[in-house]
Amino acid sequence: MITNSNLHYQILKGIIDNGFAPSIDELSDIFNSNQESIIQGLYELQEYHGVVLHPNEPKIWAIHPFSLAPTNFYVQSKKGQWWANCAWCSLGVAALLNDDVKITTTIGAETKQVEINIINGVIQEKNYFIHFPIPMTKVWDNVVYTCSNMLIFENEEQINDWSARHNIPKGDIQPIEKFFNFAKKWYCNHLSPEWTKWTIEEAKQMFRDHELHGKIWELGEVSGRF
C-alpha cells in the first residue's frame, strides 16, 4: 500500500543513496504497483506538502531538505553530493546524513562564496547568520520562492543592505550554530518510514523550545499540519 509516509521515505532514501530521486518506474518496482498509483501518490504527497512536483508533470522538483534542481546550497560528504533548497535545508541535509559535510554557498546568493563545515556534529564556521524574510504562515504560498530567500550572511549590516537593494523585507536573523540545533530537531523524523508532517502545535512548540520568536515565527490560531 502506498502512503504519504512510505512514499516520502523511499524518495528520500533514493536521493541519499544515489544523489537523485527514483523515477516513477523505479517507484513502481519498489511498491509493486502500477505507474498510475505512483503518480496519484505523488500528487497526494504534494497536497500534504511532503514533496514539490514540477508544475506540468509528476516529476519531483524538491523534497525537503533536498532539491532536485540546482540551488545556491551544495552539500558534500563522503556519501555523496546534493543540492539543498536553502540555508535551513542545507543544515537539514547535514542532520539527515549524520556525517561530516561541507556546505558551499554564497553570501546573499551574490558573488562571495563561502564554505561551512560540519565535523562530528559541530559547525566549524560559527560566525554566519541565516536571514528569514518570509513569515512561516506564508511558507507554502510559494515554497520555492520562500526557500530561495533563506540565505547566509556575515552580519546584520549585510542583511540591511541586501534587503534594501533587492526590495525584500528584512525578517528574522538567526545565528547558524543555533539554527543547526533546531534543524536537527526539525528533520529528526524525516528519514522514517512512519514520517508525518509536524502539526501546527508541534511546530509552535519547537519554535518556542529553540527561542524562535517574533512575527516571522508566529503561526496564529490555525490548525492542521505545518
Protein backbone atom coordinates (compact mmCIF):
# COMPACT_ATOMS: atom_id res chain seq x y z
CA MET A 1 0.00 0.00 0.00
CA ILE A 2 1.32 3.43 -0.96
CA THR A 3 1.07 6.05 1.78
CA ASN A 4 2.44 9.56 2.22
CA SER A 5 4.85 8.17 4.80
CA ASN A 6 6.37 5.24 2.89
CA LEU A 7 6.47 7.12 -0.43
CA HIS A 8 8.26 10.02 1.25
CA TYR A 9 10.72 7.57 2.81
CA GLN A 10 11.54 5.79 -0.45
CA ILE A 11 12.11 9.06 -2.28
CA LEU A 12 14.44 10.42 0.41
CA LYS A 13 16.30 7.12 0.67
CA GLY A 14 16.82 7.10 -3.10
CA ILE A 15 18.17 10.64 -3.08
CA ILE A 16 20.59 9.92 -0.24
CA ASP A 17 21.78 6.67 -1.82
CA ASN A 18 22.03 7.88 -5.42
CA GLY A 19 22.09 11.67 -5.46
CA PHE A 20 18.79 11.93 -7.35
CA ALA A 21 15.18 10.87 -6.88
CA PRO A 22 13.85 7.48 -8.03
CA SER A 23 11.82 7.54 -11.24
CA ILE A 24 8.16 6.59 -11.45
CA ASP A 25 9.22 3.25 -12.95
CA GLU A 26 11.60 2.61 -10.06
CA LEU A 27 8.95 3.55 -7.51
CA SER A 28 6.54 1.21 -9.28
CA ASP A 29 9.03 -1.62 -8.81
CA ILE A 30 9.64 -0.74 -5.17
CA PHE A 31 5.93 -0.74 -4.36
CA ASN A 32 5.00 -3.47 -6.83
CA SER A 33 2.39 -1.09 -8.14
CA ASN A 34 1.36 0.49 -11.45
CA GLN A 35 2.50 3.92 -12.60
CA GLU A 36 -0.95 5.46 -12.18
CA SER A 37 -0.93 4.60 -8.47
CA ILE A 38 2.55 6.08 -8.04
CA ILE A 39 1.53 9.29 -9.82
CA GLN A 40 -1.58 9.57 -7.69
CA GLY A 41 0.57 9.02 -4.60
CA LEU A 42 2.96 11.78 -5.66
CA TYR A 43 0.13 14.27 -6.12
CA GLU A 44 -1.34 13.30 -2.76
CA LEU A 45 2.09 13.74 -1.15
CA GLN A 46 2.35 17.16 -2.76
CA GLU A 47 -1.08 18.12 -1.41
CA TYR A 48 0.25 17.07 2.01
CA HIS A 49 3.23 19.41 1.48
CA GLY A 50 5.59 16.45 1.54
CA VAL A 51 7.03 16.98 -1.93
CA VAL A 52 7.13 19.66 -4.64
CA LEU A 53 6.45 18.48 -8.19
CA HIS A 54 7.10 20.24 -11.48
CA PRO A 55 4.07 22.34 -12.45
CA ASN A 56 3.17 20.33 -15.55
CA GLU A 57 4.26 16.78 -14.76
CA PRO A 58 4.60 14.40 -11.79
CA LYS A 59 8.36 14.84 -11.60
CA ILE A 60 9.99 15.63 -8.25
CA TRP A 61 11.39 19.16 -8.01
CA ALA A 62 12.10 19.23 -4.29
CA ILE A 63 11.53 17.10 -1.22
CA HIS A 64 12.77 18.93 1.84
CA PRO A 65 15.57 19.24 2.65
CA PHE A 66 16.76 18.21 -0.85
CA SER A 67 16.35 19.99 -4.17
CA LEU A 68 16.47 18.09 -7.45
CA ALA A 69 17.33 21.28 -9.34
CA PRO A 70 20.45 23.45 -8.88
CA THR A 71 20.35 25.86 -5.95
CA ASN A 72 22.68 28.15 -4.01
CA PHE A 73 23.43 25.42 -1.44
CA TYR A 74 25.66 22.47 -2.35
CA VAL A 75 26.23 19.83 0.31
CA GLN A 76 29.04 17.28 0.10
CA SER A 77 30.04 14.35 2.28
CA LYS A 78 31.90 11.10 1.75
CA LYS A 79 28.49 9.59 0.92
CA GLY A 80 27.72 11.88 -2.00
CA GLN A 81 26.72 15.35 -3.15
CA TRP A 82 23.33 17.08 -3.14
CA TRP A 83 21.58 20.41 -3.59
CA ALA A 84 19.65 21.78 -0.64
CA ASN A 85 16.79 24.22 -1.06
CA CYS A 86 18.05 26.88 1.36
CA ALA A 87 20.23 27.54 4.39
CA TRP A 88 17.72 25.78 6.67
CA CYS A 89 17.57 22.79 4.32
CA SER A 90 21.36 22.58 3.97
CA LEU A 91 21.56 22.11 7.74
CA GLY A 92 18.73 19.60 7.44
CA VAL A 93 20.71 17.58 4.90
CA ALA A 94 23.62 17.52 7.34
CA ALA A 95 21.28 16.35 10.09
CA LEU A 96 19.81 13.55 7.97
CA LEU A 97 23.19 12.33 6.76
CA ASN A 98 24.61 12.36 10.29
CA ASP A 99 28.04 12.69 8.73
CA ASP A 100 30.76 15.28 8.24
CA VAL A 101 29.66 17.66 5.48
CA LYS A 102 30.81 20.72 3.59
CA ILE A 103 28.16 23.26 2.56
CA THR A 104 29.16 25.60 -0.25
CA THR A 105 27.07 28.72 -0.78
CA THR A 106 27.35 32.45 -1.48
CA ILE A 107 26.60 35.38 0.77
CA GLY A 108 23.11 36.62 -0.09
CA ALA A 109 23.14 34.48 -3.28
CA GLU A 110 25.55 37.00 -4.75
CA THR A 111 29.27 36.80 -5.51
CA LYS A 112 31.17 35.91 -2.33
CA GLN A 113 31.47 32.14 -1.98
CA VAL A 114 31.88 30.59 1.46
CA GLU A 115 32.16 27.09 2.92
CA ILE A 116 30.54 25.85 6.10
CA ASN A 117 31.97 22.64 7.50
CA ILE A 118 30.21 20.41 9.98
CA ILE A 119 32.56 17.94 11.66
CA ASN A 120 31.48 15.47 14.33
CA GLY A 121 28.16 17.28 14.50
CA VAL A 122 29.72 20.68 15.18
CA ILE A 123 29.70 23.70 12.86
CA GLN A 124 33.27 24.92 12.42
CA GLU A 125 32.48 28.35 10.95
CA LYS A 126 30.18 29.79 13.60
CA ASN A 127 30.12 33.46 12.60
CA TYR A 128 27.38 33.26 9.99
CA PHE A 129 23.70 34.16 10.16
CA ILE A 130 20.58 33.00 8.34
CA HIS A 131 18.01 35.56 7.22
CA PHE A 132 14.31 34.58 7.20
CA PRO A 133 12.29 37.25 5.34
CA ILE A 134 9.15 35.15 4.72
CA PRO A 135 6.68 34.58 7.60
CA MET A 136 6.12 30.93 8.44
CA THR A 137 2.39 31.38 7.73
CA LYS A 138 3.30 32.18 4.09
CA VAL A 139 5.92 29.48 3.54
CA TRP A 140 3.74 27.22 1.38
CA ASP A 141 2.20 30.02 -0.68
CA ASN A 142 5.28 29.62 -2.90
CA VAL A 143 7.72 27.34 -1.14
CA VAL A 144 10.41 27.53 -3.84
CA TYR A 145 10.45 31.34 -3.53
CA THR A 146 10.45 31.03 0.26
CA CYS A 147 13.46 28.73 0.23
CA SER A 148 15.36 30.85 -2.30
CA ASN A 149 15.30 33.71 0.23
CA MET A 150 16.64 31.80 3.25
CA LEU A 151 20.25 32.80 2.79
CA ILE A 152 23.58 33.07 4.61
CA PHE A 153 25.08 36.41 5.67
CA GLU A 154 28.05 37.52 7.71
CA ASN A 155 26.34 40.27 9.73
CA GLU A 156 23.17 42.32 10.11
CA GLU A 157 24.58 45.24 8.13
CA GLN A 158 24.86 43.00 5.06
CA ILE A 159 21.23 41.95 5.52
CA ASN A 160 20.07 45.56 5.80
CA ASP A 161 21.90 46.47 2.60
CA TRP A 162 20.72 43.34 0.76
CA SER A 163 17.09 43.88 1.76
CA ALA A 164 17.16 47.49 0.59
CA ARG A 165 18.86 46.72 -2.74
CA HIS A 166 16.51 43.87 -3.61
CA ASN A 167 13.33 45.38 -2.10
CA ILE A 168 12.80 42.28 0.05
CA PRO A 169 11.57 42.97 3.59
CA LYS A 170 14.02 42.38 6.40
CA GLY A 171 12.89 39.45 8.51
CA ASP A 172 14.34 37.45 11.37
CA ILE A 173 18.05 36.76 11.78
CA GLN A 174 19.36 33.61 13.44
CA PRO A 175 22.94 32.52 14.25
CA ILE A 176 23.84 29.48 12.17
CA GLU A 177 25.00 27.37 15.12
CA LYS A 178 21.75 27.93 17.00
CA PHE A 179 19.71 27.13 13.91
CA PHE A 180 21.63 23.92 13.26
CA ASN A 181 20.43 22.68 16.64
CA PHE A 182 16.88 23.49 15.59
CA ALA A 183 17.33 21.84 12.16
CA LYS A 184 18.46 18.61 13.81
CA LYS A 185 15.21 18.51 15.76
CA TRP A 186 13.06 19.60 12.81
CA TYR A 187 14.39 16.91 10.48
CA CYS A 188 14.85 14.15 13.05
CA ASN A 189 11.91 12.07 11.75
CA HIS A 190 12.19 12.77 8.03
CA LEU A 191 14.05 9.58 7.18
CA SER A 192 11.49 7.32 8.83
CA PRO A 193 9.00 5.03 7.07
CA GLU A 194 6.46 6.34 9.59
CA TRP A 195 7.18 10.02 8.87
CA THR A 196 4.35 12.52 9.18
CA LYS A 197 4.50 16.30 8.95
CA TRP A 198 4.67 18.24 12.18
CA THR A 199 1.36 19.58 13.39
CA ILE A 200 1.00 23.34 13.83
CA GLU A 201 1.08 22.84 17.60
CA GLU A 202 4.25 20.73 17.39
CA ALA A 203 5.88 23.36 15.18
CA LYS A 204 4.91 26.13 17.62
CA GLN A 205 6.44 24.16 20.48
CA MET A 206 9.68 23.57 18.60
CA PHE A 207 9.88 27.27 17.77
CA ARG A 208 9.44 28.08 21.45
CA ASP A 209 11.94 25.45 22.56
CA HIS A 210 14.59 26.94 20.27
CA GLU A 211 13.72 30.57 21.06
CA LEU A 212 12.42 31.39 17.61
CA HIS A 213 10.19 34.34 18.38
CA GLY A 214 8.66 37.32 16.59
CA LYS A 215 6.28 37.82 13.70
CA ILE A 216 8.24 35.61 11.26
CA TRP A 217 7.69 32.58 13.50
CA GLU A 218 4.09 33.22 14.57
CA LEU A 219 1.63 30.59 13.31
CA GLY A 220 -1.56 32.10 14.67
CA GLU A 221 -4.60 30.04 15.58
CA VAL A 222 -4.72 27.77 12.52
CA SER A 223 -4.79 24.01 12.99
CA GLY A 224 -3.62 21.05 10.94
CA ARG A 225 -0.08 20.34 9.83
CA PHE A 226 2.73 22.77 9.07
